[in-house]
N, C-alpha and C. Protein backbone atom coordinates (compact mmCIF):
# COMPACT_ATOMS: atom_id res chain seq x y z
N UNK A 1 6.44 -10.09 -15.05
CA UNK A 1 7.41 -9.63 -13.90
C UNK A 1 8.15 -10.80 -13.09
N UNK A 2 9.30 -11.29 -13.34
CA UNK A 2 9.87 -12.47 -12.48
C UNK A 2 10.24 -12.29 -11.19
N UNK A 3 10.55 -13.74 -10.35
CA UNK A 3 11.21 -13.15 -9.22
C UNK A 3 12.07 -12.40 -8.46
N UNK A 4 13.15 -12.25 -9.51
CA UNK A 4 14.35 -11.30 -9.24
C UNK A 4 13.98 -9.87 -9.51
N UNK A 5 13.21 -9.47 -10.48
CA UNK A 5 12.69 -8.58 -10.57
C UNK A 5 11.71 -7.76 -9.34
N UNK A 6 10.76 -8.64 -8.94
CA UNK A 6 10.09 -8.10 -8.09
C UNK A 6 10.59 -8.03 -6.35
N UNK A 7 11.97 -8.62 -6.46
CA UNK A 7 12.25 -8.80 -5.29
C UNK A 7 13.47 -7.15 -5.33
N UNK A 8 13.73 -6.74 -6.43
CA UNK A 8 14.18 -5.65 -6.85
C UNK A 8 13.35 -4.52 -5.95
N UNK A 9 12.14 -4.59 -6.55
CA UNK A 9 11.09 -3.57 -6.49
C UNK A 9 10.61 -3.51 -5.09
N UNK A 10 10.65 -4.88 -4.30
CA UNK A 10 10.15 -4.81 -3.26
C UNK A 10 11.40 -4.21 -2.26
N UNK A 11 12.55 -4.29 -2.19
CA UNK A 11 14.16 -3.84 -1.87
C UNK A 11 13.65 -2.53 -1.91
N UNK A 12 13.33 -1.48 -2.86
CA UNK A 12 13.24 -0.30 -3.47
C UNK A 12 12.15 -0.07 -2.25
N UNK A 13 11.10 -0.46 -2.33
CA UNK A 13 10.02 -0.07 -1.07
C UNK A 13 10.82 -0.27 0.00
N UNK A 14 11.17 -1.25 0.56
CA UNK A 14 12.20 -1.18 1.87
C UNK A 14 12.76 0.02 2.21
N UNK A 15 13.84 0.38 1.11
CA UNK A 15 14.38 1.52 1.24
C UNK A 15 13.52 2.95 1.39
N UNK A 16 12.43 2.91 1.08
CA UNK A 16 11.68 4.32 0.86
C UNK A 16 11.33 4.02 2.44
N UNK A 17 10.85 2.75 2.79
CA UNK A 17 10.10 2.67 4.34
C UNK A 17 11.24 3.24 5.19
N UNK A 18 12.33 2.55 5.24
CA UNK A 18 13.57 2.87 5.88
C UNK A 18 13.69 4.49 6.09
N UNK A 19 13.44 5.17 5.07
CA UNK A 19 13.89 6.58 4.86
C UNK A 19 12.67 7.19 5.82
N UNK A 20 11.22 6.91 5.67
CA UNK A 20 10.46 7.21 6.20
C UNK A 20 10.43 6.88 8.13
N UNK A 21 10.94 5.82 8.17
CA UNK A 21 11.09 5.55 9.56
C UNK A 21 12.38 6.48 10.31
N UNK A 22 13.21 6.67 9.53
CA UNK A 22 14.36 7.73 10.17
C UNK A 22 13.78 8.82 10.66
N UNK A 23 12.68 9.29 9.99
CA UNK A 23 12.18 10.57 10.40
C UNK A 23 11.26 10.80 11.76
N UNK A 24 11.35 9.60 12.32
CA UNK A 24 10.48 9.38 13.95
C UNK A 24 11.63 9.95 14.66
N UNK A 25 12.89 10.07 14.32
CA UNK A 25 13.90 10.62 15.04
C UNK A 25 13.51 12.23 15.37
N UNK A 26 13.18 12.98 14.63
CA UNK A 26 12.66 14.03 14.96
C UNK A 26 11.41 14.72 14.86
N UNK A 27 10.42 13.71 14.09
CA UNK A 27 9.03 14.54 14.20
C UNK A 27 8.06 12.82 14.67
N UNK A 28 7.44 13.46 15.79
CA UNK A 28 6.54 12.11 16.43
C UNK A 28 5.59 11.75 15.40
N UNK A 29 5.47 10.66 15.23
CA UNK A 29 4.59 9.69 14.70
C UNK A 29 3.67 9.06 15.33
N UNK A 30 3.24 9.74 16.57
CA UNK A 30 2.28 8.95 17.27
C UNK A 30 0.90 9.96 17.02
N UNK A 31 -0.08 9.36 17.49
CA UNK A 31 -1.54 9.71 17.82
C UNK A 31 -2.35 10.71 18.46
N UNK A 32 -3.52 11.34 18.00
CA UNK A 32 -3.97 12.10 19.21
C UNK A 32 -5.47 12.05 18.49
N UNK A 33 -6.46 11.96 19.77
CA UNK A 33 -7.84 12.18 19.54
C UNK A 33 -8.25 13.43 19.21
N UNK A 34 -8.95 13.93 18.06
CA UNK A 34 -9.29 15.11 17.73
C UNK A 34 -10.60 15.04 17.21
N UNK A 35 -11.78 15.84 17.75
CA UNK A 35 -12.89 15.79 17.56
C UNK A 35 -13.53 14.05 17.49
N UNK A 36 -13.20 13.43 18.42
CA UNK A 36 -13.71 11.85 18.37
C UNK A 36 -12.93 11.21 17.55
N UNK A 37 -11.83 11.82 16.45
CA UNK A 37 -11.37 10.80 15.57
C UNK A 37 -9.82 10.70 15.86
N UNK A 38 -9.60 9.54 15.63
CA UNK A 38 -7.85 9.40 15.82
C UNK A 38 -6.99 9.74 14.71
N UNK A 39 -6.32 10.69 14.95
CA UNK A 39 -5.24 11.07 13.91
C UNK A 39 -4.12 11.49 14.23
N UNK A 40 -2.83 11.55 13.43
CA UNK A 40 -1.85 11.59 13.50
C UNK A 40 -1.47 13.25 14.37
N UNK A 41 -0.62 13.24 15.13
CA UNK A 41 -0.32 14.43 16.18
C UNK A 41 0.34 15.39 15.12
N UNK A 42 1.12 14.88 14.17
CA UNK A 42 1.91 16.02 13.33
C UNK A 42 1.48 15.44 11.83
N UNK A 43 0.62 14.93 11.61
CA UNK A 43 0.26 14.42 10.35
C UNK A 43 0.19 15.49 9.16
N UNK A 44 0.02 16.94 9.31
CA UNK A 44 0.46 18.07 8.64
C UNK A 44 1.43 18.47 8.52
N UNK A 45 2.25 18.28 9.06
CA UNK A 45 3.83 18.70 8.91
C UNK A 45 4.22 18.56 7.68
N UNK A 46 4.92 19.31 6.90
CA UNK A 46 5.43 19.04 5.59
C UNK A 46 6.72 19.46 5.55
N UNK A 47 7.53 18.54 4.69
CA UNK A 47 9.15 18.76 4.66
C UNK A 47 9.58 18.30 3.28
N UNK A 48 10.45 18.56 2.89
CA UNK A 48 11.62 17.96 1.33
C UNK A 48 11.57 16.64 1.49
N UNK A 49 11.83 16.03 2.91
CA UNK A 49 12.12 14.70 2.75
C UNK A 49 10.49 13.80 2.66
N UNK A 50 9.75 14.17 3.35
CA UNK A 50 8.39 13.56 3.01
C UNK A 50 7.97 13.91 1.16
N UNK A 51 8.51 14.89 0.84
CA UNK A 51 8.00 15.33 -0.69
C UNK A 51 8.70 14.57 -1.56
N UNK A 52 9.72 14.06 -1.25
CA UNK A 52 10.64 12.96 -1.87
C UNK A 52 10.08 11.83 -1.69
N UNK A 53 9.78 11.16 -0.56
CA UNK A 53 9.09 9.86 -0.45
C UNK A 53 7.77 9.56 -0.92
N UNK A 54 6.86 10.98 -1.13
CA UNK A 54 5.63 10.91 -1.82
C UNK A 54 5.90 10.83 -3.21
N UNK A 55 6.74 11.43 -3.81
CA UNK A 55 6.89 11.28 -5.26
C UNK A 55 7.44 10.19 -5.58
N UNK A 56 8.45 9.54 -5.12
CA UNK A 56 9.17 7.89 -5.23
C UNK A 56 8.09 6.85 -5.06
N UNK A 57 7.21 7.13 -4.20
CA UNK A 57 6.24 5.98 -3.56
C UNK A 57 5.16 6.03 -4.70
N UNK A 58 4.69 7.00 -5.23
CA UNK A 58 3.49 7.28 -5.99
C UNK A 58 3.94 6.81 -7.57
N UNK A 59 5.18 7.08 -8.08
CA UNK A 59 5.66 6.85 -9.06
C UNK A 59 5.92 4.87 -9.17
N UNK A 60 6.12 4.83 -7.99
CA UNK A 60 6.67 3.36 -7.81
C UNK A 60 4.95 2.55 -8.16
N UNK A 61 4.16 3.47 -6.91
CA UNK A 61 2.66 2.69 -6.84
C UNK A 61 2.27 2.44 -8.54
N UNK A 62 2.26 3.58 -9.43
CA UNK A 62 1.66 3.53 -10.80
C UNK A 62 2.45 2.06 -11.48
N UNK A 63 3.85 1.99 -11.35
CA UNK A 63 4.64 1.08 -12.38
C UNK A 63 3.99 -0.31 -11.67
N UNK A 64 4.07 -0.49 -10.28
CA UNK A 64 3.78 -1.83 -9.84
C UNK A 64 2.05 -2.16 -9.98
N UNK A 65 1.37 -0.90 -9.93
CA UNK A 65 -0.09 -1.12 -10.19
C UNK A 65 -0.12 -1.63 -11.81
N UNK A 66 0.26 -1.06 -12.61
CA UNK A 66 0.52 -1.32 -14.12
C UNK A 66 0.95 -2.96 -14.26
N UNK A 67 1.90 -3.30 -13.48
CA UNK A 67 2.41 -4.80 -13.34
C UNK A 67 1.28 -5.64 -13.20
N UNK A 68 0.53 -5.36 -11.80
CA UNK A 68 -0.46 -6.06 -11.33
C UNK A 68 -1.66 -6.02 -12.38
N UNK A 69 -1.73 -5.39 -12.92
CA UNK A 69 -2.68 -5.20 -14.05
C UNK A 69 -3.02 -6.35 -15.18
N UNK A 70 -1.34 -6.39 -15.57
CA UNK A 70 -0.71 -6.62 -16.84
C UNK A 70 -0.71 -8.17 -16.33
N UNK A 71 -0.73 -8.83 -15.18
CA UNK A 71 -0.89 -10.45 -14.92
C UNK A 71 -2.22 -10.62 -15.31
N UNK A 72 -3.30 -9.90 -15.59
CA UNK A 72 -4.62 -10.15 -16.37
C UNK A 72 -4.75 -9.84 -17.41
N UNK A 73 -3.66 -9.19 -17.90
CA UNK A 73 -3.90 -8.88 -19.38
C UNK A 73 -4.44 -8.07 -19.67
N UNK A 74 -4.56 -7.07 -18.76
CA UNK A 74 -4.71 -5.51 -19.01
C UNK A 74 -3.63 -4.65 -19.26
N UNK A 75 -3.57 -3.93 -20.24
CA UNK A 75 -2.63 -2.76 -20.33
C UNK A 75 -3.29 -1.44 -20.22
N UNK A 76 -2.90 -0.59 -19.17
CA UNK A 76 -3.54 0.73 -18.65
C UNK A 76 -2.44 1.44 -18.40
N UNK A 77 -2.64 2.82 -18.55
CA UNK A 77 -1.95 3.95 -18.82
C UNK A 77 -2.13 5.23 -17.78
N UNK A 78 -3.31 5.31 -17.45
CA UNK A 78 -3.77 6.24 -16.75
C UNK A 78 -4.26 5.92 -15.46
N UNK A 79 -4.19 6.69 -14.38
CA UNK A 79 -4.31 6.20 -12.96
C UNK A 79 -6.04 5.91 -12.90
N UNK A 80 -6.91 6.35 -13.76
CA UNK A 80 -8.35 6.34 -13.74
C UNK A 80 -8.37 4.77 -14.24
N UNK A 81 -7.59 4.44 -15.23
CA UNK A 81 -7.85 3.03 -15.92
C UNK A 81 -7.53 1.90 -15.06
N UNK A 82 -6.15 2.74 -14.42
CA UNK A 82 -5.73 1.44 -13.27
C UNK A 82 -6.23 1.35 -12.01
N UNK A 83 -7.04 2.04 -11.47
CA UNK A 83 -7.93 2.30 -10.57
C UNK A 83 -9.26 1.35 -11.11
N UNK A 84 -9.83 1.54 -12.05
CA UNK A 84 -10.81 0.86 -12.55
C UNK A 84 -10.24 -0.73 -12.56
N UNK A 85 -9.58 -0.92 -13.24
CA UNK A 85 -9.05 -2.39 -13.49
C UNK A 85 -8.83 -3.07 -11.95
N UNK A 86 -8.07 -2.52 -11.14
CA UNK A 86 -7.83 -3.19 -9.67
C UNK A 86 -8.89 -3.32 -9.18
N UNK A 87 -9.57 -2.23 -9.18
CA UNK A 87 -10.91 -2.39 -8.00
C UNK A 87 -11.86 -3.28 -8.32
N UNK A 88 -12.14 -3.50 -9.66
CA UNK A 88 -12.56 -4.67 -10.44
C UNK A 88 -12.59 -6.15 -10.38
N UNK A 89 -10.93 -6.13 -10.07
CA UNK A 89 -10.54 -7.22 -10.04
C UNK A 89 -9.99 -7.89 -8.48
N UNK A 90 -10.07 -6.90 -7.85
CA UNK A 90 -9.65 -7.02 -6.43
C UNK A 90 -10.53 -5.84 -5.53
N UNK A 91 -12.16 -6.28 -5.51
CA UNK A 91 -13.05 -5.51 -4.83
C UNK A 91 -12.79 -5.37 -3.23
N UNK A 92 -12.12 -6.15 -2.63
CA UNK A 92 -11.60 -5.96 -1.20
C UNK A 92 -10.15 -5.40 -1.01
N UNK A 93 -9.50 -4.77 -1.67
CA UNK A 93 -8.30 -4.55 -1.64
C UNK A 93 -8.35 -3.17 -0.66
N UNK A 94 -9.59 -2.57 -0.89
CA UNK A 94 -10.29 -1.18 -0.02
C UNK A 94 -10.10 -1.54 1.52
N UNK A 95 -10.29 -3.08 1.84
CA UNK A 95 -10.45 -3.30 3.15
C UNK A 95 -8.81 -3.34 4.08
N UNK A 96 -8.09 -3.56 2.96
CA UNK A 96 -6.55 -3.94 3.69
C UNK A 96 -6.20 -3.12 4.70
N UNK A 97 -5.61 -3.89 5.76
CA UNK A 97 -5.34 -3.20 7.16
C UNK A 97 -4.16 -3.05 6.95
N UNK A 98 -3.20 -1.83 6.97
CA UNK A 98 -1.80 -1.91 7.47
C UNK A 98 -1.28 -1.03 8.81
N UNK A 99 -0.45 -1.91 9.30
CA UNK A 99 0.13 -1.34 10.36
C UNK A 99 1.47 -0.56 10.49
N UNK A 100 1.51 0.36 11.41
CA UNK A 100 2.71 1.18 11.30
C UNK A 100 2.96 0.74 13.04
N UNK A 101 4.12 1.46 13.13
CA UNK A 101 4.14 1.25 14.75
C UNK A 101 3.33 1.87 15.77
N UNK A 102 2.74 3.22 15.31
CA UNK A 102 1.55 3.54 15.75
C UNK A 102 0.34 3.70 15.61
N UNK A 103 -0.14 2.95 14.35
CA UNK A 103 -1.12 3.58 13.61
C UNK A 103 -1.76 2.01 12.85
N UNK A 104 -2.84 1.68 12.86
CA UNK A 104 -3.66 0.74 11.69
C UNK A 104 -4.58 1.70 11.24
N UNK A 105 -4.69 1.35 9.84
CA UNK A 105 -5.39 2.27 9.15
C UNK A 105 -5.63 1.19 7.49
N UNK A 106 -6.54 2.10 6.65
CA UNK A 106 -6.82 1.42 5.54
C UNK A 106 -6.64 2.37 4.61
N UNK A 107 -5.37 2.24 3.85
CA UNK A 107 -5.06 3.62 2.80
C UNK A 107 -5.70 3.68 1.75
N UNK A 108 -6.07 2.59 1.57
CA UNK A 108 -7.11 2.38 -0.11
C UNK A 108 -8.75 2.48 0.45
N UNK A 109 -9.08 2.88 1.53
CA UNK A 109 -10.48 2.75 1.72
C UNK A 109 -11.20 3.27 1.04
N UNK A 110 -11.04 4.60 0.78
CA UNK A 110 -12.07 5.64 0.06
C UNK A 110 -11.44 5.40 -1.53
N UNK A 111 -10.61 4.86 -1.78
CA UNK A 111 -10.31 4.53 -3.24
C UNK A 111 -11.91 4.16 -4.15
N UNK A 112 -12.23 5.04 -5.05
CA UNK A 112 -13.23 4.50 -6.27
C UNK A 112 -12.88 5.64 -7.32
N UNK A 113 -13.81 5.12 -8.22
CA UNK A 113 -13.77 5.88 -9.34
C UNK A 113 -15.41 6.21 -9.90
N UNK A 114 -15.24 7.73 -9.91
CA UNK A 114 -16.79 8.14 -9.96
C UNK A 114 -16.97 8.54 -11.17
N UNK A 115 -18.24 8.69 -11.57
CA UNK A 115 -18.47 9.32 -13.12
C UNK A 115 -18.75 10.89 -12.57
N UNK A 116 -18.43 11.46 -13.61
CA UNK A 116 -18.85 13.09 -13.71
C UNK A 116 -19.19 13.43 -14.99
N UNK A 117 -19.66 14.81 -15.16
CA UNK A 117 -20.01 15.57 -16.23
C UNK A 117 -21.19 14.68 -16.95
N UNK A 118 -22.17 14.38 -16.30
CA UNK A 118 -23.44 13.79 -16.92
C UNK A 118 -22.53 12.48 -17.31
N UNK A 119 -21.54 11.75 -17.16
CA UNK A 119 -21.34 10.42 -17.33
C UNK A 119 -20.43 10.57 -18.14
N UNK A 120 -19.67 11.72 -18.74
CA UNK A 120 -18.68 11.93 -19.90
C UNK A 120 -17.42 11.85 -19.63
N UNK A 121 -17.09 11.67 -18.21
CA UNK A 121 -15.94 11.61 -17.44
C UNK A 121 -15.64 10.54 -16.41
N UNK A 122 -14.52 10.04 -15.90
CA UNK A 122 -14.42 9.37 -14.57
C UNK A 122 -13.36 10.21 -14.03
N UNK A 123 -13.53 9.91 -12.46
CA UNK A 123 -12.56 10.85 -11.74
C UNK A 123 -12.25 9.78 -10.90
N UNK A 124 -11.31 9.74 -10.22
CA UNK A 124 -10.76 8.98 -9.17
C UNK A 124 -10.79 9.68 -7.99
N UNK A 125 -11.28 8.72 -6.75
CA UNK A 125 -11.47 9.66 -5.75
C UNK A 125 -10.77 8.59 -4.71
N UNK A 126 -10.25 9.51 -3.09
CA UNK A 126 -10.09 8.40 -2.13
C UNK A 126 -8.27 8.46 -2.28
N UNK A 127 -7.59 9.01 -3.12
CA UNK A 127 -6.34 8.74 -3.10
C UNK A 127 -5.38 10.19 -2.87
N UNK A 128 -5.74 10.83 -1.53
CA UNK A 128 -5.26 12.15 -1.66
C UNK A 128 -3.55 12.55 -1.73
N UNK A 129 -2.67 11.17 -1.39
CA UNK A 129 -1.62 11.13 -1.50
C UNK A 129 -0.98 11.24 -2.83
N UNK A 130 -2.24 10.61 -3.72
CA UNK A 130 -1.89 10.54 -5.20
C UNK A 130 -1.89 12.32 -5.67
N UNK A 131 -3.00 12.96 -5.40
CA UNK A 131 -3.47 14.27 -5.28
C UNK A 131 -2.31 15.15 -5.24
N UNK A 132 -1.73 14.70 -4.21
CA UNK A 132 -0.26 15.66 -3.61
C UNK A 132 0.78 15.43 -4.31
N UNK A 133 0.86 14.28 -4.89
CA UNK A 133 1.88 13.89 -5.66
C UNK A 133 1.99 14.85 -7.08
N UNK A 134 0.72 14.82 -7.62
CA UNK A 134 0.22 15.33 -8.98
C UNK A 134 0.52 16.84 -8.69
N UNK A 135 0.58 17.28 -7.80
CA UNK A 135 0.46 18.65 -7.30
C UNK A 135 1.92 19.31 -7.24
N UNK A 136 2.44 18.17 -6.54
CA UNK A 136 4.02 18.35 -6.15
C UNK A 136 4.88 18.33 -7.64
N UNK A 137 4.29 17.44 -8.60
CA UNK A 137 5.14 17.59 -10.13
C UNK A 137 4.63 18.72 -10.64
N UNK A 138 3.68 19.05 -10.91
CA UNK A 138 3.39 20.30 -11.58
C UNK A 138 3.60 21.59 -11.03
N UNK A 139 3.84 21.87 -9.66
CA UNK A 139 4.13 23.04 -8.64
C UNK A 139 4.74 23.12 -7.53
N UNK A 140 5.83 22.41 -7.68
CA UNK A 140 6.76 22.18 -6.60
C UNK A 140 6.99 23.47 -5.48
N UNK A 141 6.91 24.45 -6.11
CA UNK A 141 7.36 25.46 -5.16
C UNK A 141 5.41 25.85 -4.18
N UNK A 142 4.65 25.57 -4.92
CA UNK A 142 3.49 26.28 -4.33
C UNK A 142 2.87 24.80 -3.42
N UNK A 143 2.87 23.75 -3.76
CA UNK A 143 2.64 22.85 -3.30
C UNK A 143 3.36 21.76 -2.16
N UNK A 144 4.16 22.45 -1.75
CA UNK A 144 5.07 21.97 -0.71
C UNK A 144 4.18 21.63 0.49
N UNK A 145 3.11 22.39 0.74
CA UNK A 145 2.21 22.06 1.81
C UNK A 145 1.46 20.66 1.59
N UNK A 146 1.66 19.82 0.36
CA UNK A 146 0.72 18.96 0.63
C UNK A 146 1.88 17.65 0.88
N UNK A 147 3.27 18.12 0.85
CA UNK A 147 4.23 17.11 1.25
C UNK A 147 4.11 16.46 2.55
N UNK A 148 3.05 15.80 3.04
CA UNK A 148 2.68 15.79 4.83
C UNK A 148 3.28 14.54 5.06
N UNK A 149 3.51 14.40 6.40
CA UNK A 149 3.69 13.02 7.02
C UNK A 149 2.74 12.20 6.50
N UNK A 150 1.56 12.34 6.68
CA UNK A 150 0.22 11.46 6.51
C UNK A 150 0.26 11.19 5.02
N UNK A 151 0.36 12.49 3.84
CA UNK A 151 0.52 11.47 2.82
C UNK A 151 1.73 10.77 2.63
N UNK A 152 2.92 10.81 2.90
CA UNK A 152 3.95 9.77 2.77
C UNK A 152 3.70 8.57 3.51
N UNK A 153 3.13 8.72 4.62
CA UNK A 153 2.61 7.29 5.22
C UNK A 153 1.60 6.46 4.22
N UNK A 154 0.46 7.22 4.11
CA UNK A 154 -0.59 6.60 3.33
C UNK A 154 -0.24 6.36 2.21
N UNK A 155 1.01 6.95 1.16
CA UNK A 155 1.42 6.54 -0.38
C UNK A 155 2.43 5.36 -0.21
N UNK A 156 3.12 5.09 0.95
CA UNK A 156 3.95 4.12 0.83
C UNK A 156 3.01 2.80 1.51
N UNK A 157 1.93 3.17 2.34
CA UNK A 157 1.10 1.93 2.86
C UNK A 157 0.71 1.72 1.52
N UNK A 158 0.21 2.43 0.91
CA UNK A 158 -0.62 1.57 -0.49
C UNK A 158 0.19 1.16 -1.29
N UNK A 159 1.27 1.72 -1.40
CA UNK A 159 2.21 0.44 -2.30
C UNK A 159 2.56 -0.56 -1.58
N UNK A 160 2.74 -0.73 -0.37
CA UNK A 160 2.81 -1.94 0.58
C UNK A 160 1.98 -2.74 0.14
N UNK A 161 0.72 -2.55 -0.10
CA UNK A 161 -0.57 -3.31 -0.41
C UNK A 161 -0.44 -4.21 -1.84
N UNK A 162 -0.05 -3.02 -2.80
CA UNK A 162 -0.20 -3.40 -4.28
C UNK A 162 1.03 -4.44 -4.43
N UNK A 163 2.24 -4.19 -3.75
CA UNK A 163 3.50 -5.16 -3.45
C UNK A 163 3.17 -6.92 -3.33
N UNK A 164 1.97 -6.78 -2.06
CA UNK A 164 1.97 -8.04 -1.39
C UNK A 164 0.80 -8.39 -2.37
N UNK A 165 0.05 -7.77 -3.20
CA UNK A 165 -0.98 -8.57 -4.11
C UNK A 165 -0.19 -9.13 -5.18
N UNK A 166 0.74 -8.72 -5.75
CA UNK A 166 1.63 -8.82 -6.95
C UNK A 166 2.31 -10.17 -6.27
N UNK A 167 2.99 -10.06 -5.03
CA UNK A 167 3.77 -11.49 -4.38
C UNK A 167 2.68 -12.53 -4.49
N UNK A 168 1.52 -12.30 -4.15
CA UNK A 168 0.39 -13.57 -4.00
C UNK A 168 0.40 -14.01 -5.46
N UNK A 169 0.23 -13.12 -6.17
CA UNK A 169 -0.76 -13.69 -7.75
C UNK A 169 0.73 -14.37 -8.10
N UNK A 170 2.03 -13.77 -8.15
CA UNK A 170 2.94 -14.52 -8.95
C UNK A 170 3.38 -15.80 -8.33
N UNK A 171 3.64 -15.74 -6.91
CA UNK A 171 3.81 -16.87 -6.34
C UNK A 171 3.31 -17.91 -5.55
N UNK A 172 2.12 -17.17 -5.13
CA UNK A 172 0.97 -17.74 -4.24
C UNK A 172 1.37 -17.60 -2.84
N UNK A 173 2.28 -17.15 -2.67
CA UNK A 173 2.66 -16.90 -1.06
C UNK A 173 3.62 -15.61 -1.02
N UNK A 174 3.98 -14.96 0.06
CA UNK A 174 4.22 -14.00 0.82
C UNK A 174 6.00 -13.97 1.02
N UNK A 175 6.43 -15.01 1.02
CA UNK A 175 7.76 -15.52 1.38
C UNK A 175 8.99 -14.49 0.99
N UNK A 176 8.79 -13.92 0.33
CA UNK A 176 9.83 -12.80 0.11
C UNK A 176 9.65 -11.75 1.22
N UNK A 177 8.70 -11.38 1.53
CA UNK A 177 8.61 -10.51 2.83
C UNK A 177 9.42 -11.11 4.02
N UNK A 178 9.69 -12.38 3.96
CA UNK A 178 10.49 -12.77 5.36
C UNK A 178 12.04 -12.98 5.09
N UNK A 179 12.23 -13.12 3.90
CA UNK A 179 13.40 -13.14 3.56
C UNK A 179 14.15 -11.70 3.28
N UNK A 180 13.56 -10.58 2.74
CA UNK A 180 13.97 -9.15 2.92
C UNK A 180 12.78 -8.65 3.63
N UNK A 181 12.73 -9.07 4.93
CA UNK A 181 11.91 -7.53 6.11
C UNK A 181 11.85 -6.28 5.84
N UNK A 182 10.73 -5.72 5.77
CA UNK A 182 10.88 -4.10 5.60
C UNK A 182 10.58 -3.51 7.29
N UNK A 183 10.82 -2.31 7.61
CA UNK A 183 10.85 -1.83 8.81
C UNK A 183 9.67 -0.78 8.62
N UNK A 184 8.77 -0.52 9.58
CA UNK A 184 7.55 0.37 9.75
C UNK A 184 6.24 -0.14 9.62
N UNK A 185 5.97 -1.17 8.29
CA UNK A 185 4.90 -1.43 7.95
C UNK A 185 4.84 -2.86 8.14
N UNK A 186 3.17 -3.07 8.54
CA UNK A 186 3.20 -4.52 8.88
C UNK A 186 1.76 -4.82 8.63
N UNK A 187 1.26 -6.07 8.50
CA UNK A 187 0.02 -6.63 8.56
C UNK A 187 -0.36 -7.77 9.14
N UNK A 188 -1.92 -7.75 9.21
CA UNK A 188 -2.24 -8.92 9.96
C UNK A 188 -2.50 -10.37 9.11
N UNK A 189 -2.19 -10.12 7.76
CA UNK A 189 -2.58 -11.12 6.91
C UNK A 189 -1.60 -12.11 6.62
N UNK A 190 -0.12 -11.92 7.15
CA UNK A 190 0.90 -12.83 7.14
C UNK A 190 1.32 -13.63 8.37
N UNK A 191 1.46 -15.06 7.73
CA UNK A 191 1.44 -16.01 8.96
C UNK A 191 2.70 -15.90 9.59
N UNK A 192 3.28 -16.95 10.51
CA UNK A 192 4.31 -16.91 11.15
C UNK A 192 5.51 -17.01 10.37
N UNK A 193 6.22 -16.27 10.44
CA UNK A 193 7.80 -16.41 9.66
C UNK A 193 8.22 -17.88 9.28
N UNK A 194 8.08 -18.88 10.63
CA UNK A 194 8.53 -20.73 10.30
C UNK A 194 7.47 -21.08 9.16
N UNK A 195 6.22 -20.50 8.60
CA UNK A 195 5.48 -21.12 7.72
C UNK A 195 5.92 -20.95 6.24
N UNK A 196 5.35 -21.50 5.40
CA UNK A 196 5.77 -21.07 3.86
C UNK A 196 5.45 -19.86 3.28
N UNK A 197 5.10 -18.92 4.28
CA UNK A 197 5.13 -17.89 3.91
C UNK A 197 3.56 -17.46 3.14
N UNK A 198 2.69 -18.62 2.88
CA UNK A 198 1.01 -18.36 2.71
C UNK A 198 0.32 -17.75 3.42
N UNK A 199 -0.43 -16.55 2.88
CA UNK A 199 -1.09 -15.35 3.60
C UNK A 199 -2.55 -15.54 3.03
N UNK A 200 -3.42 -14.62 4.15
CA UNK A 200 -4.53 -14.57 3.84
C UNK A 200 -4.84 -13.40 3.54
N UNK A 201 -4.89 -12.69 2.03
CA UNK A 201 -5.33 -11.32 1.79
C UNK A 201 -6.77 -11.32 1.45
N UNK A 202 -7.51 -10.06 1.71
CA UNK A 202 -8.53 -10.18 1.11
C UNK A 202 -9.64 -10.46 -0.07
N UNK A 203 -8.83 -10.65 -0.85
CA UNK A 203 -9.38 -11.06 -2.34
C UNK A 203 -8.99 -12.35 -2.76
N UNK A 204 -8.31 -13.04 -1.77
CA UNK A 204 -7.76 -14.42 -1.97
C UNK A 204 -8.18 -15.56 -1.29
N UNK A 205 -9.60 -15.87 -1.50
CA UNK A 205 -10.10 -16.90 -0.94
C UNK A 205 -10.61 -17.06 0.62
N UNK A 206 -11.06 -18.05 1.08
CA UNK A 206 -11.24 -18.04 2.84
C UNK A 206 -10.13 -18.45 3.59
N UNK A 207 -9.11 -19.16 3.18
CA UNK A 207 -8.06 -19.33 4.32
C UNK A 207 -6.93 -19.60 3.29
N UNK A 208 -5.92 -19.66 3.98
CA UNK A 208 -4.56 -19.90 3.21
C UNK A 208 -4.37 -21.26 3.22
N UNK A 209 -3.37 -21.91 2.51
CA UNK A 209 -2.96 -23.45 2.75
C UNK A 209 -2.41 -23.93 4.07
N UNK A 210 -1.57 -23.01 4.40
CA UNK A 210 -1.14 -23.56 6.16
C UNK A 210 -2.41 -23.21 7.03
N UNK A 211 -3.50 -22.34 7.02
CA UNK A 211 -4.86 -22.33 7.65
C UNK A 211 -5.65 -23.35 7.38
N UNK A 212 -5.37 -23.91 6.23
CA UNK A 212 -6.55 -24.93 5.95
C UNK A 212 -6.11 -26.35 6.74
N UNK A 213 -4.56 -26.55 6.42
CA UNK A 213 -4.04 -27.75 6.83
C UNK A 213 -4.26 -27.56 8.50
N UNK A 214 -4.02 -26.41 9.21
CA UNK A 214 -3.93 -26.73 10.68
C UNK A 214 -5.54 -26.57 10.90
N UNK A 215 -6.61 -26.21 10.15
CA UNK A 215 -8.21 -26.52 10.68
C UNK A 215 -8.53 -27.95 10.46
N UNK A 216 -7.81 -28.18 9.29
CA UNK A 216 -8.45 -29.53 9.08
C UNK A 216 -7.60 -30.59 9.65
N UNK A 217 -6.48 -30.30 10.27
CA UNK A 217 -5.55 -31.84 11.00
C UNK A 217 -5.26 -31.09 12.31
N UNK A 218 -6.25 -30.74 13.39
CA UNK A 218 -5.97 -29.90 14.42
C UNK A 218 -5.42 -30.59 15.70
N UNK A 219 -5.34 -32.15 15.55
CA UNK A 219 -4.79 -33.00 16.35
C UNK A 219 -3.17 -32.98 16.14
N UNK A 220 -2.61 -32.16 14.96
CA UNK A 220 -1.17 -32.28 15.15
C UNK A 220 -0.67 -31.10 15.66
N UNK A 221 -1.50 -30.08 16.10
CA UNK A 221 -1.14 -28.97 16.90
C UNK A 221 -1.40 -28.93 18.21
N UNK A 222 -2.15 -30.09 18.92
CA UNK A 222 -2.14 -29.94 20.26
C UNK A 222 -1.14 -29.93 21.09
């Protein structure tokens, strides 16, 4: 995947994020405390708009995840193989925190591959939005209730993470995100826009080049 192609995929993600952001005009994306847990007020609200976002985001997640695996010479087809390859290569990806205008969450926190049926099969767990996507694909009429606000946010949040990992792998930084900014999604791993765009992602060392320079030359920043 070259820079032009990556920018096209990134802009596609941004267009989906804009579509999600527009739903704030008619559905509250805020939070509420329920049984000691913080959750979306209307996280279970479902609609055709959220269905479209989930289907498009999940399809793009599969494409970009395969591209990420291909960077390490791994040709994968099924979600279980994709999951195995990414989780083995990037074990800290599940800790990646994504910020929205109202929420900080870890979309991939529960992502794992489990062995079932006495070791004869493997099963992906922790991607509820992916299972919603499959349900919608196979029975659109009966599965509309899976097309929720929460699944739409988590699907796009997961895609956001994969995009940033590919950016870092290909270019060593994420400066594209400053040239083509997106709405709704942010993360704590990006430096100030005036820097080179070098970021500290969970699986990429102890510090970014810009942070290392600041640490090693503190007198320049007094």
